PDB file of all heavy atoms in Angstrom:
ATOM      1  N   SER A   1      -1.396  -6.194   1.328  1.00  0.00           N
ATOM      2  CA  SER A   1      -0.419  -6.158   0.252  1.00  0.00           C
ATOM      3  C   SER A   1       0.490  -7.383   0.236  1.00  0.00           C
ATOM      4  O   SER A   1       1.383  -7.495  -0.600  1.00  0.00           O
ATOM      5  CB  SER A   1       0.454  -4.893   0.361  1.00  0.00           C
ATOM      6  OG  SER A   1       1.272  -4.934   1.500  1.00  0.00           O
ATOM      7  N   TRP A   2       0.265  -8.299   1.173  1.00  0.00           N
ATOM      8  CA  TRP A   2       1.039  -9.542   1.212  1.00  0.00           C
ATOM      9  C   TRP A   2       0.090 -10.671   1.576  1.00  0.00           C
ATOM     10  O   TRP A   2      -0.816 -10.505   2.384  1.00  0.00           O
ATOM     11  CB  TRP A   2       2.161  -9.469   2.270  1.00  0.00           C
ATOM     12  CG  TRP A   2       2.840 -10.776   2.510  1.00  0.00           C
ATOM     13  CD1 TRP A   2       3.848 -11.342   1.792  1.00  0.00           C
ATOM     14  CD2 TRP A   2       2.518 -11.719   3.555  1.00  0.00           C
ATOM     15  NE1 TRP A   2       4.184 -12.581   2.296  1.00  0.00           N
ATOM     16  CE2 TRP A   2       3.406 -12.832   3.402  1.00  0.00           C
ATOM     17  CE3 TRP A   2       1.572 -11.732   4.595  1.00  0.00           C
ATOM     18  CZ2 TRP A   2       3.334 -13.932   4.233  1.00  0.00           C
ATOM     19  CZ3 TRP A   2       1.543 -12.834   5.442  1.00  0.00           C
ATOM     20  CH2 TRP A   2       2.424 -13.912   5.268  1.00  0.00           C
ATOM     21  N   ILE A   3       0.358 -11.824   0.973  1.00  0.00           N
ATOM     22  CA  ILE A   3      -0.457 -12.995   1.267  1.00  0.00           C
ATOM     23  C   ILE A   3       0.480 -14.216   1.313  1.00  0.00           C
ATOM     24  O   ILE A   3       1.418 -14.312   0.527  1.00  0.00           O
ATOM     25  CB  ILE A   3      -1.569 -13.198   0.215  1.00  0.00           C
ATOM     26  CG1 ILE A   3      -2.502 -14.351   0.572  1.00  0.00           C
ATOM     27  CG2 ILE A   3      -0.995 -13.387  -1.176  1.00  0.00           C
ATOM     28  CD1 ILE A   3      -3.734 -14.445  -0.296  1.00  0.00           C
ATOM     29  N   GLU A   4       0.202 -15.089   2.215  1.00  0.00           N
ATOM     30  CA  GLU A   4       1.024 -16.295   2.375  1.00  0.00           C
ATOM     31  C   GLU A   4       0.732 -17.233   1.193  1.00  0.00           C
ATOM     32  O   GLU A   4      -0.391 -17.648   1.003  1.00  0.00           O
ATOM     33  CB  GLU A   4       0.704 -16.997   3.687  1.00  0.00           C
ATOM     34  CG  GLU A   4       1.558 -18.229   3.957  1.00  0.00           C
ATOM     35  CD  GLU A   4       1.129 -18.920   5.241  1.00  0.00           C
ATOM     36  OE1 GLU A   4      -0.020 -18.752   5.663  1.00  0.00           O
ATOM     37  OE2 GLU A   4       1.971 -19.638   5.809  1.00  0.00           O
ATOM     38  N   PRO A   5       1.760 -17.562   0.385  1.00  0.00           N
ATOM     39  CA  PRO A   5       1.523 -18.446  -0.756  1.00  0.00           C
ATOM     40  C   PRO A   5       1.115 -19.857  -0.297  1.00  0.00           C
ATOM     41  O   PRO A   5       1.615 -20.316   0.728  1.00  0.00           O
ATOM     42  CB  PRO A   5       2.897 -18.472  -1.474  1.00  0.00           C
ATOM     43  CG  PRO A   5       3.631 -17.301  -0.957  1.00  0.00           C
ATOM     44  CD  PRO A   5       3.159 -17.077   0.445  1.00  0.00           C
ATOM     45  N   PRO A   6       0.276 -20.565  -1.068  1.00  0.00           N
ATOM     46  CA  PRO A   6      -0.445 -19.986  -2.198  1.00  0.00           C
ATOM     47  C   PRO A   6      -1.829 -19.504  -1.767  1.00  0.00           C
ATOM     48  O   PRO A   6      -2.657 -20.308  -1.316  1.00  0.00           O
ATOM     49  CB  PRO A   6      -0.557 -21.191  -3.140  1.00  0.00           C
ATOM     50  CG  PRO A   6      -0.612 -22.370  -2.209  1.00  0.00           C
ATOM     51  CD  PRO A   6       0.163 -22.021  -0.965  1.00  0.00           C
ATOM     52  N   GLU A   7      -2.051 -18.237  -1.828  1.00  0.00           N
ATOM     53  CA  GLU A   7      -3.366 -17.629  -1.586  1.00  0.00           C
ATOM     54  C   GLU A   7      -3.834 -17.736  -0.144  1.00  0.00           C
ATOM     55  O   GLU A   7      -5.013 -17.944   0.118  1.00  0.00           O
ATOM     56  CB  GLU A   7      -4.423 -18.258  -2.513  1.00  0.00           C
ATOM     57  CG  GLU A   7      -3.982 -18.320  -3.961  1.00  0.00           C
ATOM     58  CD  GLU A   7      -4.424 -17.118  -4.785  1.00  0.00           C
ATOM     59  OE1 GLU A   7      -5.080 -16.238  -4.241  1.00  0.00           O
ATOM     60  OE2 GLU A   7      -4.078 -17.070  -5.962  1.00  0.00           O
ATOM     61  N   GLY A   8      -2.946 -17.623   0.834  1.00  0.00           N
ATOM     62  CA  GLY A   8      -3.399 -17.568   2.216  1.00  0.00           C
ATOM     63  C   GLY A   8      -3.005 -18.765   3.036  1.00  0.00           C
ATOM     64  O   GLY A   8      -2.264 -19.611   2.558  1.00  0.00           O
ATOM     65  N   PRO A   9      -3.491 -18.853   4.324  1.00  0.00           N
ATOM     66  CA  PRO A   9      -4.512 -17.988   4.896  1.00  0.00           C
ATOM     67  C   PRO A   9      -3.995 -16.662   5.454  1.00  0.00           C
ATOM     68  O   PRO A   9      -4.765 -15.725   5.628  1.00  0.00           O
ATOM     69  CB  PRO A   9      -5.057 -18.843   6.035  1.00  0.00           C
ATOM     70  CG  PRO A   9      -3.886 -19.648   6.482  1.00  0.00           C
ATOM     71  CD  PRO A   9      -3.099 -19.937   5.235  1.00  0.00           C
ATOM     72  N   ALA A  10      -2.708 -16.558   5.780  1.00  0.00           N
ATOM     73  CA  ALA A  10      -2.192 -15.320   6.386  1.00  0.00           C
ATOM     74  C   ALA A  10      -2.160 -14.172   5.377  1.00  0.00           C
ATOM     75  O   ALA A  10      -1.761 -14.350   4.215  1.00  0.00           O
ATOM     76  CB  ALA A  10      -0.790 -15.564   6.932  1.00  0.00           C
ATOM     77  N   LYS A  11      -2.582 -13.008   5.823  1.00  0.00           N
ATOM     78  CA  LYS A  11      -2.584 -11.799   4.997  1.00  0.00           C
ATOM     79  C   LYS A  11      -2.159 -10.624   5.856  1.00  0.00           C
ATOM     80  O   LYS A  11      -2.420 -10.598   7.056  1.00  0.00           O
ATOM     81  CB  LYS A  11      -3.987 -11.512   4.407  1.00  0.00           C
ATOM     82  CG  LYS A  11      -4.538 -12.622   3.548  1.00  0.00           C
ATOM     83  CD  LYS A  11      -5.977 -12.336   3.121  1.00  0.00           C
ATOM     84  CE  LYS A  11      -6.564 -13.459   2.296  1.00  0.00           C
ATOM     85  NZ  LYS A  11      -7.985 -13.194   1.917  1.00  0.00           N
ATOM     86  N   ALA A  12      -1.490  -9.634   5.239  1.00  0.00           N
ATOM     87  CA  ALA A  12      -1.045  -8.465   5.997  1.00  0.00           C
ATOM     88  C   ALA A  12      -0.822  -7.307   5.043  1.00  0.00           C
ATOM     89  O   ALA A  12      -0.514  -7.504   3.858  1.00  0.00           O
ATOM     90  CB  ALA A  12       0.234  -8.762   6.785  1.00  0.00           C
ATOM     91  N   HIS A  13      -0.953  -6.102   5.591  1.00  0.00           N
ATOM     92  CA  HIS A  13      -0.614  -4.926   4.795  1.00  0.00           C
ATOM     93  C   HIS A  13       0.789  -4.474   5.206  1.00  0.00           C
ATOM     94  O   HIS A  13       1.005  -4.010   6.318  1.00  0.00           O
ATOM     95  CB  HIS A  13      -1.596  -3.784   5.014  1.00  0.00           C
ATOM     96  CG  HIS A  13      -1.352  -2.628   4.093  1.00  0.00           C
ATOM     97  ND1 HIS A  13      -1.815  -2.594   2.804  1.00  0.00           N
ATOM     98  CD2 HIS A  13      -0.593  -1.517   4.252  1.00  0.00           C
ATOM     99  CE1 HIS A  13      -1.398  -1.481   2.222  1.00  0.00           C
ATOM    100  NE2 HIS A  13      -0.657  -0.832   3.078  1.00  0.00           N
ATOM    101  N   LEU A  14       1.754  -4.630   4.292  1.00  0.00           N
ATOM    102  CA  LEU A  14       3.152  -4.394   4.593  1.00  0.00           C
ATOM    103  C   LEU A  14       3.805  -3.365   3.670  1.00  0.00           C
ATOM    104  O   LEU A  14       4.878  -2.856   3.971  1.00  0.00           O
ATOM    105  CB  LEU A  14       3.963  -5.699   4.484  1.00  0.00           C
ATOM    106  CG  LEU A  14       3.465  -6.886   5.321  1.00  0.00           C
ATOM    107  CD1 LEU A  14       4.334  -8.112   5.011  1.00  0.00           C
ATOM    108  CD2 LEU A  14       3.497  -6.539   6.804  1.00  0.00           C
ATOM    109  N   ASP A  15       3.149  -3.044   2.555  1.00  0.00           N
ATOM    110  CA  ASP A  15       3.750  -2.187   1.525  1.00  0.00           C
ATOM    111  C   ASP A  15       3.036  -0.846   1.474  1.00  0.00           C
ATOM    112  O   ASP A  15       1.795  -0.785   1.549  1.00  0.00           O
ATOM    113  CB  ASP A  15       3.662  -2.873   0.158  1.00  0.00           C
ATOM    114  CG  ASP A  15       4.333  -4.242   0.159  1.00  0.00           C
ATOM    115  OD1 ASP A  15       3.709  -5.220   0.646  1.00  0.00           O
ATOM    116  OD2 ASP A  15       5.471  -4.321  -0.311  1.00  0.00           O
ATOM    117  N   TYR A  16       3.808   0.236   1.306  1.00  0.00           N
ATOM    118  CA  TYR A  16       3.279   1.584   1.440  1.00  0.00           C
ATOM    119  C   TYR A  16       3.830   2.508   0.375  1.00  0.00           C
ATOM    120  O   TYR A  16       4.859   2.254  -0.243  1.00  0.00           O
ATOM    121  CB  TYR A  16       3.627   2.149   2.834  1.00  0.00           C
ATOM    122  CG  TYR A  16       3.039   1.354   3.970  1.00  0.00           C
ATOM    123  CD1 TYR A  16       3.687   0.239   4.474  1.00  0.00           C
ATOM    124  CD2 TYR A  16       1.830   1.725   4.555  1.00  0.00           C
ATOM    125  CE1 TYR A  16       3.165  -0.483   5.524  1.00  0.00           C
ATOM    126  CE2 TYR A  16       1.281   1.003   5.596  1.00  0.00           C
ATOM    127  CZ  TYR A  16       1.955  -0.100   6.093  1.00  0.00           C
ATOM    128  OH  TYR A  16       1.423  -0.830   7.122  1.00  0.00           O
ATOM    129  N   CYS A  17       3.129   3.638   0.260  1.00  0.00           N
ATOM    130  CA  CYS A  17       3.601   4.765  -0.529  1.00  0.00           C
ATOM    131  C   CYS A  17       3.427   6.011   0.299  1.00  0.00           C
ATOM    132  O   CYS A  17       2.318   6.363   0.710  1.00  0.00           O
ATOM    133  CB  CYS A  17       2.794   4.866  -1.825  1.00  0.00           C
ATOM    134  SG  CYS A  17       3.263   6.311  -2.794  1.00  0.00           S
ATOM    135  N   PHE A  18       4.546   6.665   0.578  1.00  0.00           N
ATOM    136  CA  PHE A  18       4.559   7.895   1.379  1.00  0.00           C
ATOM    137  C   PHE A  18       5.027   9.051   0.499  1.00  0.00           C
ATOM    138  O   PHE A  18       5.883   8.881  -0.381  1.00  0.00           O
ATOM    139  CB  PHE A  18       5.501   7.782   2.587  1.00  0.00           C
ATOM    140  CG  PHE A  18       5.175   6.639   3.508  1.00  0.00           C
ATOM    141  CD1 PHE A  18       5.934   5.483   3.492  1.00  0.00           C
ATOM    142  CD2 PHE A  18       4.107   6.747   4.407  1.00  0.00           C
ATOM    143  CE1 PHE A  18       5.654   4.437   4.368  1.00  0.00           C
ATOM    144  CE2 PHE A  18       3.818   5.697   5.275  1.00  0.00           C
ATOM    145  CZ  PHE A  18       4.599   4.542   5.246  1.00  0.00           C
ATOM    146  N   VAL A  19       4.497  10.255   0.790  1.00  0.00           N
ATOM    147  CA  VAL A  19       4.940  11.457   0.095  1.00  0.00           C
ATOM    148  C   VAL A  19       5.151  12.549   1.143  1.00  0.00           C
ATOM    149  O   VAL A  19       4.744  12.424   2.292  1.00  0.00           O
ATOM    150  CB  VAL A  19       3.927  11.939  -0.978  1.00  0.00           C
ATOM    151  CG1 VAL A  19       3.704  10.884  -2.028  1.00  0.00           C
ATOM    152  CG2 VAL A  19       2.596  12.343  -0.322  1.00  0.00           C
ATOM    153  N   ASN A  20       5.779  13.651   0.740  1.00  0.00           N
ATOM    154  CA  ASN A  20       5.906  14.793   1.616  1.00  0.00           C
ATOM    155  C   ASN A  20       4.616  15.625   1.595  1.00  0.00           C
ATOM    156  O   ASN A  20       3.791  15.485   0.672  1.00  0.00           O
ATOM    157  CB  ASN A  20       7.087  15.662   1.228  1.00  0.00           C
ATOM    158  CG  ASN A  20       6.983  16.214  -0.183  1.00  0.00           C
ATOM    159  OD1 ASN A  20       6.822  15.450  -1.133  1.00  0.00           O
ATOM    160  ND2 ASN A  20       7.086  17.525  -0.348  1.00  0.00           N
ATOM    161  N   HIS A  21       4.440  16.451   2.612  1.00  0.00           N
ATOM    162  CA  HIS A  21       3.175  17.177   2.790  1.00  0.00           C
ATOM    163  C   HIS A  21       2.861  18.080   1.598  1.00  0.00           C
ATOM    164  O   HIS A  21       1.698  18.250   1.223  1.00  0.00           O
ATOM    165  CB  HIS A  21       3.224  17.995   4.059  1.00  0.00           C
ATOM    166  CG  HIS A  21       4.117  19.194   3.996  1.00  0.00           C
ATOM    167  ND1 HIS A  21       5.494  19.109   4.056  1.00  0.00           N
ATOM    168  CD2 HIS A  21       3.844  20.523   3.835  1.00  0.00           C
ATOM    169  CE1 HIS A  21       6.028  20.314   3.946  1.00  0.00           C
ATOM    170  NE2 HIS A  21       5.057  21.186   3.817  1.00  0.00           N
ATOM    171  N   ALA A  22       3.889  18.701   0.974  1.00  0.00           N
ATOM    172  CA  ALA A  22       3.656  19.606  -0.144  1.00  0.00           C
ATOM    173  C   ALA A  22       3.232  18.880  -1.425  1.00  0.00           C
ATOM    174  O   ALA A  22       2.540  19.458  -2.260  1.00  0.00           O
ATOM    175  CB  ALA A  22       4.895  20.445  -0.398  1.00  0.00           C
ATOM    176  N   LEU A  23       3.647  17.637  -1.558  1.00  0.00           N
ATOM    177  CA  LEU A  23       3.281  16.876  -2.756  1.00  0.00           C
ATOM    178  C   LEU A  23       1.887  16.257  -2.647  1.00  0.00           C
ATOM    179  O   LEU A  23       1.264  15.971  -3.667  1.00  0.00           O
ATOM    180  CB  LEU A  23       4.329  15.780  -2.997  1.00  0.00           C
ATOM    181  CG  LEU A  23       4.243  15.010  -4.320  1.00  0.00           C
ATOM    182  CD1 LEU A  23       4.447  15.948  -5.513  1.00  0.00           C
ATOM    183  CD2 LEU A  23       5.279  13.895  -4.353  1.00  0.00           C
ATOM    184  N   PHE A  24       1.405  16.044  -1.430  1.00  0.00           N
ATOM    185  CA  PHE A  24       0.159  15.321  -1.239  1.00  0.00           C
ATOM    186  C   PHE A  24      -1.019  15.940  -2.025  1.00  0.00           C
ATOM    187  O   PHE A  24      -1.836  15.174  -2.577  1.00  0.00           O
ATOM    188  CB  PHE A  24      -0.197  15.244   0.238  1.00  0.00           C
ATOM    189  CG  PHE A  24      -1.512  14.567   0.474  1.00  0.00           C
ATOM    190  CD1 PHE A  24      -1.659  13.202   0.285  1.00  0.00           C
ATOM    191  CD2 PHE A  24      -2.626  15.293   0.867  1.00  0.00           C
ATOM    192  CE1 PHE A  24      -2.869  12.563   0.457  1.00  0.00           C
ATOM    193  CE2 PHE A  24      -3.852  14.690   1.056  1.00  0.00           C
ATOM    194  CZ  PHE A  24      -3.982  13.305   0.852  1.00  0.00           C
ATOM    195  N   PRO A  25      -1.188  17.271  -2.119  1.00  0.00           N
ATOM    196  CA  PRO A  25      -2.323  17.810  -2.867  1.00  0.00           C
ATOM    197  C   PRO A  25      -2.318  17.407  -4.345  1.00  0.00           C
ATOM    198  O   PRO A  25      -3.372  17.490  -5.006  1.00  0.00           O
ATOM    199  CB  PRO A  25      -2.158  19.308  -2.735  1.00  0.00           C
ATOM    200  CG  PRO A  25      -1.408  19.508  -1.444  1.00  0.00           C
ATOM    201  CD  PRO A  25      -0.465  18.348  -1.405  1.00  0.00           C
ATOM    202  N   ARG A  26      -1.217  16.926  -4.877  1.00  0.00           N
ATOM    203  CA  ARG A  26      -1.152  16.518  -6.282  1.00  0.00           C
ATOM    204  C   ARG A  26      -1.507  15.054  -6.475  1.00  0.00           C
ATOM    205  O   ARG A  26      -1.578  14.560  -7.593  1.00  0.00           O
ATOM    206  CB  ARG A  26       0.260  16.742  -6.840  1.00  0.00           C
ATOM    207  CG  ARG A  26       0.616  18.227  -7.001  1.00  0.00           C
ATOM    208  CD  ARG A  26       2.052  18.379  -7.501  1.00  0.00           C
ATOM    209  NE  ARG A  26       2.311  17.606  -8.707  1.00  0.00           N
ATOM    210  CZ  ARG A  26       3.524  17.402  -9.223  1.00  0.00           C
ATOM    211  NH1 ARG A  26       4.582  17.921  -8.599  1.00  0.00           N
ATOM    212  NH2 ARG A  26       3.678  16.708 -10.310  1.00  0.00           N
ATOM    213  N   VAL A  27      -1.756  14.321  -5.383  1.00  0.00           N
ATOM    214  CA  VAL A  27      -2.108  12.900  -5.495  1.00  0.00           C
ATOM    215  C   VAL A  27      -3.539  12.763  -6.012  1.00  0.00           C
ATOM    216  O   VAL A  27      -4.482  13.301  -5.418  1.00  0.00           O
ATOM    217  CB  VAL A  27      -1.966  12.197  -4.130  1.00  0.00           C
ATOM    218  CG1 VAL A  27      -2.398  10.742  -4.269  1.00  0.00           C
ATOM    219  CG2 VAL A  27      -0.530  12.274  -3.631  1.00  0.00           C
ATOM    220  N   ARG A  28      -3.668  12.067  -7.105  1.00  0.00           N
ATOM    221  CA  ARG A  28      -4.992  11.840  -7.687  1.00  0.00           C
ATOM    222  C   ARG A  28      -5.590  10.506  -7.246  1.00  0.00           C
ATOM    223  O   ARG A  28      -6.804  10.397  -7.016  1.00  0.00           O
ATOM    224  CB  ARG A  28      -4.888  11.859  -9.236  1.00  0.00           C
ATOM    225  CG  ARG A  28      -6.195  11.487  -9.948  1.00  0.00           C
ATOM    226  CD  ARG A  28      -6.032  11.538 -11.448  1.00  0.00           C
ATOM    227  NE  ARG A  28      -5.834  12.897 -11.939  1.00  0.00           N
ATOM    228  CZ  ARG A  28      -5.533  13.186 -13.183  1.00  0.00           C
ATOM    229  NH1 ARG A  28      -5.347  12.211 -14.079  1.00  0.00           N
ATOM    230  NH2 ARG A  28      -5.390  14.446 -13.554  1.00  0.00           N
ATOM    231  N   ASP A  29      -4.770   9.475  -7.147  1.00  0.00           N
ATOM    232  CA  ASP A  29      -5.300   8.155  -6.791  1.00  0.00           C
ATOM    233  C   ASP A  29      -4.167   7.310  -6.218  1.00  0.00           C
ATOM    234  O   ASP A  29      -2.977   7.532  -6.506  1.00  0.00           O
ATOM    235  CB  ASP A  29      -5.888   7.475  -8.022  1.00  0.00           C
ATOM    236  CG  ASP A  29      -6.785   6.296  -7.661  1.00  0.00           C
ATOM    237  OD1 ASP A  29      -7.152   6.165  -6.472  1.00  0.00           O
ATOM    238  OD2 ASP A  29      -7.114   5.499  -8.560  1.00  0.00           O
ATOM    239  N   VAL A  30      -4.550   6.330  -5.422  1.00  0.00           N
ATOM    240  CA  VAL A  30      -3.623   5.343  -4.860  1.00  0.00           C
ATOM    241  C   VAL A  30      -4.397   4.069  -4.566  1.00  0.00           C
ATOM    242  O   VAL A  30      -5.540   4.121  -4.114  1.00  0.00           O
ATOM    243  CB  VAL A  30      -2.915   5.887  -3.607  1.00  0.00           C
ATOM    244  CG1 VAL A  30      -3.917   6.188  -2.513  1.00  0.00           C
ATOM    245  CG2 VAL A  30      -1.869   4.897  -3.095  1.00  0.00           C
ATOM    246  N   PHE A  31      -3.793   2.901  -4.881  1.00  0.00           N
ATOM    247  CA  PHE A  31      -4.514   1.657  -4.641  1.00  0.00           C
ATOM    248  C   PHE A  31      -3.509   0.509  -4.652  1.00  0.00           C
ATOM    249  O   PHE A  31      -2.376   0.615  -5.125  1.00  0.00           O
ATOM    250  CB  PHE A  31      -5.597   1.425  -5.695  1.00  0.00           C
ATOM    251  CG  PHE A  31      -5.077   1.286  -7.110  1.00  0.00           C
ATOM    252  CD1 PHE A  31      -4.792   0.026  -7.641  1.00  0.00           C
ATOM    253  CD2 PHE A  31      -4.874   2.389  -7.899  1.00  0.00           C
ATOM    254  CE1 PHE A  31      -4.310  -0.113  -8.920  1.00  0.00           C
ATOM    255  CE2 PHE A  31      -4.381   2.268  -9.194  1.00  0.00           C
ATOM    256  CZ  PHE A  31      -4.109   0.989  -9.717  1.00  0.00           C
TER     257      PHE A  31
END
């Protein structure tokens, strides 16, 4: 979700989406 400008070379996944356990069954998609 992060890339060192411009276009690399360093890349990392730093950004997230969290929900509570009761809401999770309603999740249709994430990307």
